[in-house]
Amino acid sequence: MEAIFETKKVLRKKYLDKRMTLSQDEVFLFSEQIFEMFLKEFSLKPNSKIHCFVPITSKNEVNTKFFFDYCFKNNIRIFVPKIVGDDLTSIEVTPDTEFSISKWNIKEPKNSVGNTIKEFDFCLTPLLYCDAKGNRVGYGKGFYDRFFSENIVNTKVGLSFYRPDSLISDVLSSDIRLDFLIIPNEIFVF
C-alpha cells in the first residue's frame, strides 16, 4: 500500500474537526486509557522531572489530570508551559499552584518566574496529529520545536486519540520528532 502524504494545514483541520466530535465522556475515558498506557511503558521515580501540558478543554485535548494527580501523589516534579513572548517557559507546579487563562485560552500558572531547569526526563506533548515517523502537527506556532531545541528532553511523548494514517508532506528541518506516541490502546516508538 502506498503512503498517503498530507500537509500540516490539511491534517491540522482534519484532526481538530475529528477531535471536536468527541463527547466529554469519550475525552475522559480515552485520556485515562492513554495515562494507563504511559504507566505500563514507563517507570517514574520520585524526583523525576516531567514537563506536561495543561489541556485546552475547549479543543478537546487529552485530559492530563491523571498525570498531574499521579505526579503529586508520588513526589514526581511536574512542570507546565507558560508562553512568554515567543517562548515557552517551564514553571514547576504543586497542588496549590494558582492558574489563570492566557490570551491563547490556555490555563497557565499565575506565577511568571520560569525555572532554571533545562533537563527533563519526559515531555508530554500536545498535538493534533503525529505521523508514523514521529513528526507532529500542533497549532502551528512552533513553541514545542523551540522548547525541544533549547532544553534537554530525554523522552518526548506525544499524547493523541488517533493513530497515524498519513505522513506529513511538509516537514521542516526545524521540526523535532517525538520519541513515542501514546493513543488509548497502543504505543508507537520512533
N, C-alpha and C. Protein backbone atom coordinates (compact mmCIF):
# COMPACT_ATOMS: atom_id res chain seq x y z
N MET A 1 0.84 -1.19 0.00
CA MET A 1 0.00 0.00 0.00
C MET A 1 0.88 1.25 0.00
N GLU A 2 0.56 2.19 -0.83
CA GLU A 2 1.33 3.41 -0.96
C GLU A 2 1.00 4.38 0.16
N ALA A 3 2.04 5.04 0.68
CA ALA A 3 1.86 6.00 1.78
C ALA A 3 1.07 7.22 1.28
N ILE A 4 0.23 7.74 2.16
CA ILE A 4 -0.54 8.94 1.86
C ILE A 4 0.18 10.11 2.52
N PHE A 5 0.44 11.16 1.75
CA PHE A 5 1.08 12.36 2.28
C PHE A 5 0.08 13.50 2.31
N GLU A 6 0.05 14.22 3.43
CA GLU A 6 -0.82 15.38 3.55
C GLU A 6 -0.06 16.52 4.21
N THR A 7 -0.48 17.74 3.94
CA THR A 7 0.18 18.91 4.54
C THR A 7 -0.25 19.09 5.99
N LYS A 8 0.55 19.82 6.73
CA LYS A 8 0.20 20.13 8.12
C LYS A 8 -1.14 20.86 8.19
N LYS A 9 -1.36 21.77 7.26
CA LYS A 9 -2.60 22.55 7.27
C LYS A 9 -3.82 21.63 7.13
N VAL A 10 -3.75 20.69 6.21
CA VAL A 10 -4.86 19.76 5.98
C VAL A 10 -5.04 18.87 7.22
N LEU A 11 -3.94 18.33 7.74
CA LEU A 11 -4.00 17.45 8.91
C LEU A 11 -4.49 18.20 10.15
N ARG A 12 -4.05 19.44 10.31
CA ARG A 12 -4.48 20.26 11.46
C ARG A 12 -6.00 20.40 11.47
N LYS A 13 -6.56 20.75 10.34
CA LYS A 13 -8.02 20.92 10.26
C LYS A 13 -8.74 19.58 10.43
N LYS A 14 -8.27 18.57 9.73
CA LYS A 14 -8.90 17.25 9.76
C LYS A 14 -8.97 16.70 11.19
N TYR A 15 -7.86 16.77 11.93
CA TYR A 15 -7.84 16.16 13.26
C TYR A 15 -8.44 17.04 14.34
N LEU A 16 -8.43 18.34 14.15
CA LEU A 16 -9.14 19.20 15.10
C LEU A 16 -10.65 18.97 14.93
N ASP A 17 -11.11 18.92 13.68
CA ASP A 17 -12.54 18.65 13.43
C ASP A 17 -12.94 17.29 14.00
N LYS A 18 -12.10 16.30 13.79
CA LYS A 18 -12.38 14.95 14.28
C LYS A 18 -12.44 14.94 15.82
N ARG A 19 -11.49 15.61 16.44
CA ARG A 19 -11.43 15.65 17.90
C ARG A 19 -12.63 16.38 18.49
N MET A 20 -13.13 17.39 17.79
CA MET A 20 -14.27 18.17 18.30
C MET A 20 -15.57 17.36 18.27
N THR A 21 -15.59 16.23 17.58
CA THR A 21 -16.79 15.39 17.59
C THR A 21 -16.87 14.50 18.83
N LEU A 22 -15.79 14.43 19.60
CA LEU A 22 -15.77 13.59 20.80
C LEU A 22 -16.60 14.22 21.92
N SER A 23 -17.31 13.38 22.65
CA SER A 23 -18.03 13.87 23.83
C SER A 23 -17.03 14.04 24.99
N GLN A 24 -17.42 14.77 26.02
CA GLN A 24 -16.55 14.93 27.19
C GLN A 24 -16.30 13.58 27.87
N ASP A 25 -17.29 12.70 27.85
CA ASP A 25 -17.11 11.36 28.41
C ASP A 25 -16.05 10.57 27.63
N GLU A 26 -16.08 10.69 26.31
CA GLU A 26 -15.08 10.00 25.48
C GLU A 26 -13.68 10.57 25.74
N VAL A 27 -13.57 11.89 25.80
CA VAL A 27 -12.27 12.52 26.08
C VAL A 27 -11.73 12.00 27.42
N PHE A 28 -12.58 11.96 28.43
CA PHE A 28 -12.17 11.50 29.76
C PHE A 28 -11.71 10.04 29.71
N LEU A 29 -12.52 9.18 29.11
CA LEU A 29 -12.20 7.75 29.04
C LEU A 29 -10.92 7.51 28.24
N PHE A 30 -10.81 8.10 27.06
CA PHE A 30 -9.62 7.90 26.22
C PHE A 30 -8.37 8.46 26.92
N SER A 31 -8.52 9.59 27.61
CA SER A 31 -7.38 10.18 28.33
C SER A 31 -6.91 9.26 29.44
N GLU A 32 -7.85 8.65 30.14
CA GLU A 32 -7.49 7.71 31.21
C GLU A 32 -6.75 6.50 30.62
N GLN A 33 -7.20 6.02 29.47
CA GLN A 33 -6.53 4.89 28.81
C GLN A 33 -5.12 5.27 28.37
N ILE A 34 -4.94 6.49 27.89
CA ILE A 34 -3.61 6.97 27.49
C ILE A 34 -2.70 7.00 28.71
N PHE A 35 -3.19 7.51 29.82
CA PHE A 35 -2.41 7.56 31.06
C PHE A 35 -2.00 6.14 31.48
N GLU A 36 -2.92 5.19 31.43
CA GLU A 36 -2.61 3.81 31.80
C GLU A 36 -1.56 3.20 30.88
N MET A 37 -1.63 3.50 29.59
CA MET A 37 -0.62 3.03 28.63
C MET A 37 0.74 3.62 28.98
N PHE A 38 0.76 4.89 29.36
CA PHE A 38 2.02 5.54 29.75
C PHE A 38 2.64 4.82 30.94
N LEU A 39 1.84 4.54 31.97
CA LEU A 39 2.37 3.88 33.17
C LEU A 39 2.86 2.46 32.87
N LYS A 40 2.25 1.77 31.92
CA LYS A 40 2.71 0.43 31.54
C LYS A 40 4.08 0.49 30.86
N GLU A 41 4.30 1.55 30.11
CA GLU A 41 5.54 1.67 29.31
C GLU A 41 6.70 2.27 30.11
N PHE A 42 6.42 3.22 30.97
CA PHE A 42 7.48 3.97 31.63
C PHE A 42 7.41 3.83 33.14
N SER A 43 8.58 3.77 33.75
CA SER A 43 8.61 3.72 35.21
C SER A 43 9.07 5.09 35.71
N LEU A 44 8.24 5.70 36.52
CA LEU A 44 8.53 7.03 37.06
C LEU A 44 9.06 6.89 38.47
N LYS A 45 10.11 7.62 38.74
CA LYS A 45 10.72 7.58 40.07
C LYS A 45 10.54 8.91 40.77
N PRO A 46 10.52 8.92 42.11
CA PRO A 46 10.44 10.19 42.82
C PRO A 46 11.55 11.13 42.33
N ASN A 47 11.19 12.39 42.24
CA ASN A 47 12.07 13.47 41.77
C ASN A 47 12.34 13.45 40.27
N SER A 48 11.70 12.55 39.53
CA SER A 48 11.76 12.65 38.07
C SER A 48 11.18 14.00 37.69
N LYS A 49 11.59 14.52 36.55
CA LYS A 49 11.09 15.82 36.09
C LYS A 49 10.29 15.60 34.80
N ILE A 50 9.00 15.96 34.89
CA ILE A 50 8.10 15.81 33.75
C ILE A 50 7.56 17.17 33.36
N HIS A 51 7.69 17.49 32.08
CA HIS A 51 7.06 18.69 31.54
C HIS A 51 5.76 18.22 30.90
N CYS A 52 4.62 18.77 31.34
CA CYS A 52 3.31 18.28 30.88
C CYS A 52 2.40 19.46 30.55
N PHE A 53 1.73 19.38 29.44
CA PHE A 53 0.80 20.44 29.05
C PHE A 53 -0.47 20.40 29.89
N VAL A 54 -1.07 21.55 30.06
CA VAL A 54 -2.40 21.66 30.66
C VAL A 54 -3.36 21.73 29.47
N PRO A 55 -4.34 20.83 29.39
CA PRO A 55 -5.15 20.76 28.17
C PRO A 55 -6.04 21.99 27.95
N ILE A 56 -6.24 22.28 26.68
CA ILE A 56 -7.23 23.28 26.28
C ILE A 56 -8.53 22.51 26.14
N THR A 57 -9.38 22.60 27.16
CA THR A 57 -10.59 21.77 27.17
C THR A 57 -11.55 22.14 26.04
N SER A 58 -11.55 23.41 25.63
CA SER A 58 -12.45 23.82 24.54
C SER A 58 -12.05 23.19 23.21
N LYS A 59 -10.82 22.64 23.13
CA LYS A 59 -10.36 21.98 21.90
C LYS A 59 -10.26 20.47 22.09
N ASN A 60 -10.87 19.97 23.19
CA ASN A 60 -10.90 18.53 23.45
C ASN A 60 -9.52 17.88 23.47
N GLU A 61 -8.54 18.58 24.02
CA GLU A 61 -7.21 17.97 24.14
C GLU A 61 -7.24 16.85 25.18
N VAL A 62 -6.25 15.96 25.09
CA VAL A 62 -6.12 14.87 26.06
C VAL A 62 -6.10 15.47 27.46
N ASN A 63 -6.92 14.91 28.35
CA ASN A 63 -7.01 15.38 29.73
C ASN A 63 -5.81 14.84 30.50
N THR A 64 -4.92 15.71 30.94
CA THR A 64 -3.70 15.30 31.63
C THR A 64 -3.85 15.29 33.15
N LYS A 65 -5.06 15.48 33.64
CA LYS A 65 -5.31 15.47 35.09
C LYS A 65 -4.76 14.21 35.74
N PHE A 66 -4.87 13.07 35.07
CA PHE A 66 -4.38 11.80 35.61
C PHE A 66 -2.87 11.86 35.88
N PHE A 67 -2.14 12.49 34.96
CA PHE A 67 -0.69 12.63 35.11
C PHE A 67 -0.35 13.53 36.30
N PHE A 68 -1.07 14.65 36.39
CA PHE A 68 -0.81 15.58 37.49
C PHE A 68 -1.09 14.93 38.84
N ASP A 69 -2.23 14.27 38.97
CA ASP A 69 -2.59 13.61 40.23
C ASP A 69 -1.54 12.57 40.62
N TYR A 70 -1.10 11.78 39.64
CA TYR A 70 -0.11 10.74 39.90
C TYR A 70 1.22 11.36 40.34
N CYS A 71 1.65 12.38 39.65
CA CYS A 71 2.93 13.03 39.97
C CYS A 71 2.89 13.64 41.37
N PHE A 72 1.84 14.36 41.69
CA PHE A 72 1.74 14.97 43.01
C PHE A 72 1.77 13.91 44.11
N LYS A 73 1.08 12.83 43.87
CA LYS A 73 0.97 11.76 44.88
C LYS A 73 2.30 11.01 45.06
N ASN A 74 3.12 10.96 44.00
CA ASN A 74 4.33 10.14 44.02
C ASN A 74 5.63 10.95 44.02
N ASN A 75 5.55 12.20 44.44
CA ASN A 75 6.74 13.06 44.56
C ASN A 75 7.54 13.18 43.27
N ILE A 76 6.83 13.28 42.17
CA ILE A 76 7.46 13.50 40.87
C ILE A 76 7.29 14.98 40.54
N ARG A 77 8.37 15.60 40.16
CA ARG A 77 8.33 17.04 39.86
C ARG A 77 7.64 17.25 38.51
N ILE A 78 6.68 18.16 38.50
CA ILE A 78 5.93 18.40 37.27
C ILE A 78 5.97 19.88 36.92
N PHE A 79 6.23 20.13 35.65
CA PHE A 79 6.38 21.48 35.11
C PHE A 79 5.36 21.67 34.01
N VAL A 80 4.87 22.89 33.89
CA VAL A 80 3.90 23.18 32.83
C VAL A 80 4.41 24.34 31.98
N PRO A 81 3.93 24.42 30.75
CA PRO A 81 4.35 25.51 29.88
C PRO A 81 3.64 26.82 30.21
N LYS A 82 4.35 27.89 30.00
CA LYS A 82 3.76 29.22 30.05
C LYS A 82 4.39 29.99 28.90
N ILE A 83 3.56 30.61 28.09
CA ILE A 83 4.05 31.36 26.94
C ILE A 83 4.40 32.77 27.39
N VAL A 84 5.66 33.14 27.16
CA VAL A 84 6.14 34.49 27.45
C VAL A 84 6.76 35.01 26.16
N GLY A 85 6.07 35.96 25.54
CA GLY A 85 6.52 36.44 24.23
C GLY A 85 6.38 35.32 23.21
N ASP A 86 7.51 34.96 22.57
CA ASP A 86 7.51 33.87 21.59
C ASP A 86 8.08 32.59 22.18
N ASP A 87 8.31 32.59 23.50
CA ASP A 87 8.95 31.44 24.12
C ASP A 87 8.01 30.68 25.03
N LEU A 88 8.25 29.40 25.11
CA LEU A 88 7.53 28.54 26.03
C LEU A 88 8.48 28.33 27.22
N THR A 89 8.11 28.87 28.37
CA THR A 89 8.93 28.68 29.56
C THR A 89 8.31 27.56 30.39
N SER A 90 9.09 27.08 31.34
CA SER A 90 8.65 25.98 32.19
C SER A 90 8.46 26.47 33.61
N ILE A 91 7.30 26.18 34.17
CA ILE A 91 7.00 26.58 35.55
C ILE A 91 6.71 25.30 36.35
N GLU A 92 7.40 25.12 37.46
CA GLU A 92 7.10 23.96 38.31
C GLU A 92 5.82 24.24 39.08
N VAL A 93 4.95 23.24 39.16
CA VAL A 93 3.67 23.42 39.83
C VAL A 93 3.51 22.42 40.97
N THR A 94 2.63 22.79 41.88
CA THR A 94 2.26 21.95 43.01
C THR A 94 0.73 21.91 43.03
N PRO A 95 0.14 21.11 43.92
CA PRO A 95 -1.32 21.12 44.00
C PRO A 95 -1.90 22.49 44.38
N ASP A 96 -1.06 23.38 44.96
CA ASP A 96 -1.53 24.70 45.39
C ASP A 96 -1.32 25.80 44.35
N THR A 97 -0.73 25.48 43.23
CA THR A 97 -0.45 26.50 42.22
C THR A 97 -1.75 27.12 41.71
N GLU A 98 -1.76 28.44 41.63
CA GLU A 98 -2.92 29.16 41.09
C GLU A 98 -2.73 29.37 39.59
N PHE A 99 -3.82 29.21 38.85
CA PHE A 99 -3.78 29.33 37.39
C PHE A 99 -4.71 30.45 36.93
N SER A 100 -4.42 30.96 35.73
CA SER A 100 -5.32 31.90 35.06
C SER A 100 -5.33 31.52 33.58
N ILE A 101 -6.24 32.10 32.82
CA ILE A 101 -6.37 31.79 31.40
C ILE A 101 -5.59 32.83 30.59
N SER A 102 -4.70 32.35 29.71
CA SER A 102 -3.86 33.23 28.90
C SER A 102 -4.62 33.74 27.68
N LYS A 103 -3.96 34.62 26.92
CA LYS A 103 -4.56 35.12 25.67
C LYS A 103 -4.73 34.00 24.64
N TRP A 104 -4.01 32.89 24.83
CA TRP A 104 -4.13 31.75 23.93
C TRP A 104 -5.25 30.81 24.38
N ASN A 105 -5.97 31.20 25.43
CA ASN A 105 -7.04 30.39 26.02
C ASN A 105 -6.47 29.11 26.67
N ILE A 106 -5.26 29.24 27.20
CA ILE A 106 -4.58 28.12 27.85
C ILE A 106 -4.48 28.44 29.34
N LYS A 107 -4.74 27.45 30.16
CA LYS A 107 -4.60 27.59 31.60
C LYS A 107 -3.11 27.58 31.94
N GLU A 108 -2.62 28.69 32.53
CA GLU A 108 -1.21 28.83 32.87
C GLU A 108 -1.06 29.27 34.33
N PRO A 109 0.07 28.94 34.94
CA PRO A 109 0.29 29.41 36.31
C PRO A 109 0.33 30.94 36.35
N LYS A 110 -0.23 31.51 37.42
CA LYS A 110 -0.16 32.97 37.58
C LYS A 110 1.29 33.42 37.76
N ASN A 111 2.08 32.59 38.42
CA ASN A 111 3.50 32.88 38.62
C ASN A 111 4.19 32.94 37.26
N SER A 112 4.94 33.99 37.00
CA SER A 112 5.63 34.05 35.71
C SER A 112 7.13 33.85 35.82
N VAL A 113 7.59 33.42 36.97
CA VAL A 113 9.02 33.17 37.12
C VAL A 113 9.32 31.77 36.61
N GLY A 114 10.06 31.71 35.50
CA GLY A 114 10.42 30.41 34.93
C GLY A 114 11.48 29.72 35.76
N ASN A 115 11.63 28.46 35.53
CA ASN A 115 12.63 27.65 36.24
C ASN A 115 13.95 27.71 35.52
N THR A 116 14.99 27.38 36.23
CA THR A 116 16.30 27.27 35.61
C THR A 116 16.54 25.84 35.13
N ILE A 117 15.58 24.97 35.40
CA ILE A 117 15.67 23.58 34.95
C ILE A 117 15.66 23.56 33.42
N LYS A 118 16.63 22.90 32.84
CA LYS A 118 16.71 22.79 31.38
C LYS A 118 16.78 21.34 30.92
N GLU A 119 16.62 20.42 31.88
CA GLU A 119 16.66 19.00 31.53
C GLU A 119 15.46 18.29 32.15
N PHE A 120 14.75 17.55 31.32
CA PHE A 120 13.53 16.86 31.74
C PHE A 120 13.63 15.39 31.38
N ASP A 121 13.08 14.55 32.24
CA ASP A 121 13.04 13.12 31.94
C ASP A 121 12.02 12.84 30.85
N PHE A 122 10.89 13.54 30.92
CA PHE A 122 9.82 13.36 29.94
C PHE A 122 9.21 14.71 29.59
N CYS A 123 8.75 14.83 28.36
CA CYS A 123 7.90 15.95 27.98
C CYS A 123 6.66 15.34 27.34
N LEU A 124 5.53 15.52 28.01
CA LEU A 124 4.24 15.07 27.47
C LEU A 124 3.72 16.19 26.60
N THR A 125 3.62 15.91 25.32
CA THR A 125 3.45 16.93 24.30
C THR A 125 2.05 16.91 23.70
N PRO A 126 1.40 18.09 23.65
CA PRO A 126 0.10 18.15 22.98
C PRO A 126 0.29 18.13 21.47
N LEU A 127 -0.69 17.65 20.77
CA LEU A 127 -0.61 17.65 19.31
C LEU A 127 -1.99 17.44 18.73
N LEU A 128 -2.12 17.79 17.47
CA LEU A 128 -3.34 17.50 16.73
C LEU A 128 -3.17 16.20 15.96
N TYR A 129 -1.92 15.94 15.54
CA TYR A 129 -1.64 14.75 14.75
C TYR A 129 -0.16 14.40 14.85
N CYS A 130 0.15 13.11 14.75
CA CYS A 130 1.52 12.63 14.70
C CYS A 130 1.59 11.56 13.64
N ASP A 131 2.58 11.63 12.75
CA ASP A 131 2.67 10.61 11.70
C ASP A 131 3.51 9.42 12.17
N ALA A 132 3.67 8.44 11.30
CA ALA A 132 4.35 7.19 11.66
C ALA A 132 5.87 7.34 11.80
N LYS A 133 6.36 8.55 11.59
CA LYS A 133 7.80 8.81 11.78
C LYS A 133 8.05 9.66 13.02
N GLY A 134 6.98 10.03 13.73
CA GLY A 134 7.15 10.85 14.94
C GLY A 134 7.07 12.34 14.70
N ASN A 135 6.75 12.74 13.47
CA ASN A 135 6.57 14.16 13.18
C ASN A 135 5.19 14.58 13.68
N ARG A 136 5.13 15.74 14.32
CA ARG A 136 3.86 16.15 14.92
C ARG A 136 3.30 17.40 14.24
N VAL A 137 2.00 17.52 14.33
CA VAL A 137 1.31 18.73 13.90
C VAL A 137 0.65 19.30 15.15
N GLY A 138 1.06 20.53 15.48
CA GLY A 138 0.44 21.25 16.58
C GLY A 138 -0.45 22.34 16.00
N TYR A 139 -0.50 23.46 16.70
CA TYR A 139 -1.34 24.56 16.23
C TYR A 139 -0.58 25.52 15.31
N GLY A 140 0.70 25.22 15.04
CA GLY A 140 1.43 25.96 14.02
C GLY A 140 2.29 27.11 14.51
N LYS A 141 2.48 27.25 15.81
CA LYS A 141 3.28 28.36 16.32
C LYS A 141 4.73 27.97 16.59
N GLY A 142 5.06 26.67 16.59
CA GLY A 142 6.44 26.22 16.76
C GLY A 142 6.97 26.26 18.18
N PHE A 143 6.09 26.46 19.18
CA PHE A 143 6.55 26.56 20.57
C PHE A 143 7.31 25.33 21.02
N TYR A 144 6.78 24.14 20.73
CA TYR A 144 7.43 22.92 21.23
C TYR A 144 8.71 22.61 20.48
N ASP A 145 8.80 22.92 19.19
CA ASP A 145 10.06 22.72 18.48
C ASP A 145 11.16 23.58 19.10
N ARG A 146 10.84 24.83 19.42
CA ARG A 146 11.83 25.70 20.07
C ARG A 146 12.17 25.19 21.47
N PHE A 147 11.14 24.74 22.20
CA PHE A 147 11.36 24.20 23.55
C PHE A 147 12.32 23.00 23.49
N PHE A 148 12.08 22.08 22.55
CA PHE A 148 12.94 20.90 22.42
C PHE A 148 14.36 21.28 22.04
N SER A 149 14.53 22.31 21.22
CA SER A 149 15.87 22.69 20.80
C SER A 149 16.64 23.44 21.88
N GLU A 150 15.92 24.02 22.86
CA GLU A 150 16.57 24.80 23.92
C GLU A 150 16.71 24.05 25.23
N ASN A 151 16.15 22.86 25.33
CA ASN A 151 16.18 22.07 26.57
C ASN A 151 16.61 20.64 26.24
N ILE A 152 17.07 19.95 27.26
CA ILE A 152 17.37 18.52 27.11
C ILE A 152 16.13 17.77 27.57
N VAL A 153 15.53 17.05 26.64
CA VAL A 153 14.35 16.25 26.97
C VAL A 153 14.71 14.81 26.63
N ASN A 154 14.85 13.99 27.66
CA ASN A 154 15.27 12.62 27.43
C ASN A 154 14.24 11.82 26.64
N THR A 155 12.95 12.04 26.91
CA THR A 155 11.91 11.28 26.22
C THR A 155 10.74 12.21 25.87
N LYS A 156 10.52 12.37 24.56
CA LYS A 156 9.44 13.23 24.06
C LYS A 156 8.26 12.33 23.70
N VAL A 157 7.14 12.53 24.42
CA VAL A 157 5.97 11.66 24.26
C VAL A 157 4.77 12.48 23.80
N GLY A 158 4.23 12.14 22.65
CA GLY A 158 3.01 12.77 22.17
C GLY A 158 1.80 12.00 22.69
N LEU A 159 0.74 12.73 23.03
CA LEU A 159 -0.49 12.12 23.50
C LEU A 159 -1.60 12.46 22.51
N SER A 160 -2.27 11.42 22.02
CA SER A 160 -3.29 11.64 20.99
C SER A 160 -4.39 10.59 21.09
N PHE A 161 -5.54 10.92 20.53
CA PHE A 161 -6.63 9.96 20.45
C PHE A 161 -6.56 9.12 19.17
N TYR A 162 -5.69 9.52 18.22
CA TYR A 162 -5.72 8.92 16.89
C TYR A 162 -4.38 8.34 16.46
N ARG A 163 -4.44 7.24 15.77
CA ARG A 163 -3.24 6.58 15.25
C ARG A 163 -2.78 7.27 13.96
N PRO A 164 -1.52 7.14 13.63
CA PRO A 164 -1.01 7.73 12.38
C PRO A 164 -1.59 7.01 11.17
N ASP A 165 -2.09 7.78 10.21
CA ASP A 165 -2.56 7.15 8.97
C ASP A 165 -2.04 7.84 7.72
N SER A 166 -1.41 8.99 7.88
CA SER A 166 -0.80 9.71 6.75
C SER A 166 0.57 10.20 7.19
N LEU A 167 1.43 10.45 6.22
CA LEU A 167 2.71 11.07 6.51
C LEU A 167 2.59 12.57 6.24
N ILE A 168 3.32 13.35 7.01
CA ILE A 168 3.29 14.80 6.84
C ILE A 168 4.21 15.15 5.68
N SER A 169 3.67 15.86 4.70
CA SER A 169 4.44 16.15 3.48
C SER A 169 5.34 17.36 3.61
N ASP A 170 5.04 18.25 4.55
CA ASP A 170 5.81 19.50 4.62
C ASP A 170 6.58 19.62 5.95
N VAL A 171 7.31 18.56 6.30
CA VAL A 171 8.14 18.58 7.50
C VAL A 171 9.32 19.52 7.25
N LEU A 172 9.61 20.37 8.22
CA LEU A 172 10.72 21.32 8.10
C LEU A 172 11.95 20.79 8.83
N SER A 173 13.11 21.30 8.47
CA SER A 173 14.35 20.86 9.16
C SER A 173 14.34 21.29 10.63
N SER A 174 13.55 22.30 10.98
CA SER A 174 13.46 22.77 12.37
C SER A 174 12.45 21.98 13.20
N ASP A 175 11.67 21.11 12.56
CA ASP A 175 10.69 20.28 13.26
C ASP A 175 11.42 19.16 14.00
N ILE A 176 11.12 19.00 15.27
CA ILE A 176 11.77 17.98 16.08
C ILE A 176 10.78 16.85 16.34
N ARG A 177 11.21 15.64 16.00
CA ARG A 177 10.33 14.48 16.11
C ARG A 177 10.17 14.00 17.55
N LEU A 178 9.06 13.33 17.77
CA LEU A 178 8.79 12.70 19.06
C LEU A 178 9.51 11.36 19.14
N ASP A 179 9.67 10.86 20.36
CA ASP A 179 10.23 9.52 20.57
C ASP A 179 9.13 8.47 20.65
N PHE A 180 7.96 8.87 21.18
CA PHE A 180 6.84 7.97 21.37
C PHE A 180 5.53 8.72 21.07
N LEU A 181 4.54 7.95 20.66
CA LEU A 181 3.16 8.45 20.57
C LEU A 181 2.30 7.46 21.35
N ILE A 182 1.49 7.98 22.26
CA ILE A 182 0.57 7.12 23.00
C ILE A 182 -0.86 7.49 22.62
N ILE A 183 -1.60 6.47 22.19
CA ILE A 183 -3.03 6.61 21.93
C ILE A 183 -3.74 5.69 22.92
N PRO A 184 -5.06 5.70 22.99
CA PRO A 184 -5.75 4.94 24.05
C PRO A 184 -5.38 3.46 24.16
N ASN A 185 -5.05 2.80 23.06
CA ASN A 185 -4.79 1.36 23.17
C ASN A 185 -3.49 0.92 22.53
N GLU A 186 -2.57 1.87 22.30
CA GLU A 186 -1.34 1.50 21.59
C GLU A 186 -0.25 2.53 21.85
N ILE A 187 0.99 2.06 21.76
CA ILE A 187 2.15 2.95 21.86
C ILE A 187 2.99 2.77 20.61
N PHE A 188 3.37 3.88 20.00
CA PHE A 188 4.24 3.88 18.83
C PHE A 188 5.61 4.38 19.25
N VAL A 189 6.64 3.68 18.81
CA VAL A 189 8.02 4.04 19.14
C VAL A 189 8.69 4.50 17.85
N PHE A 190 9.36 5.66 17.91
CA PHE A 190 10.01 6.19 16.70
C PHE A 190 11.53 6.16 16.84
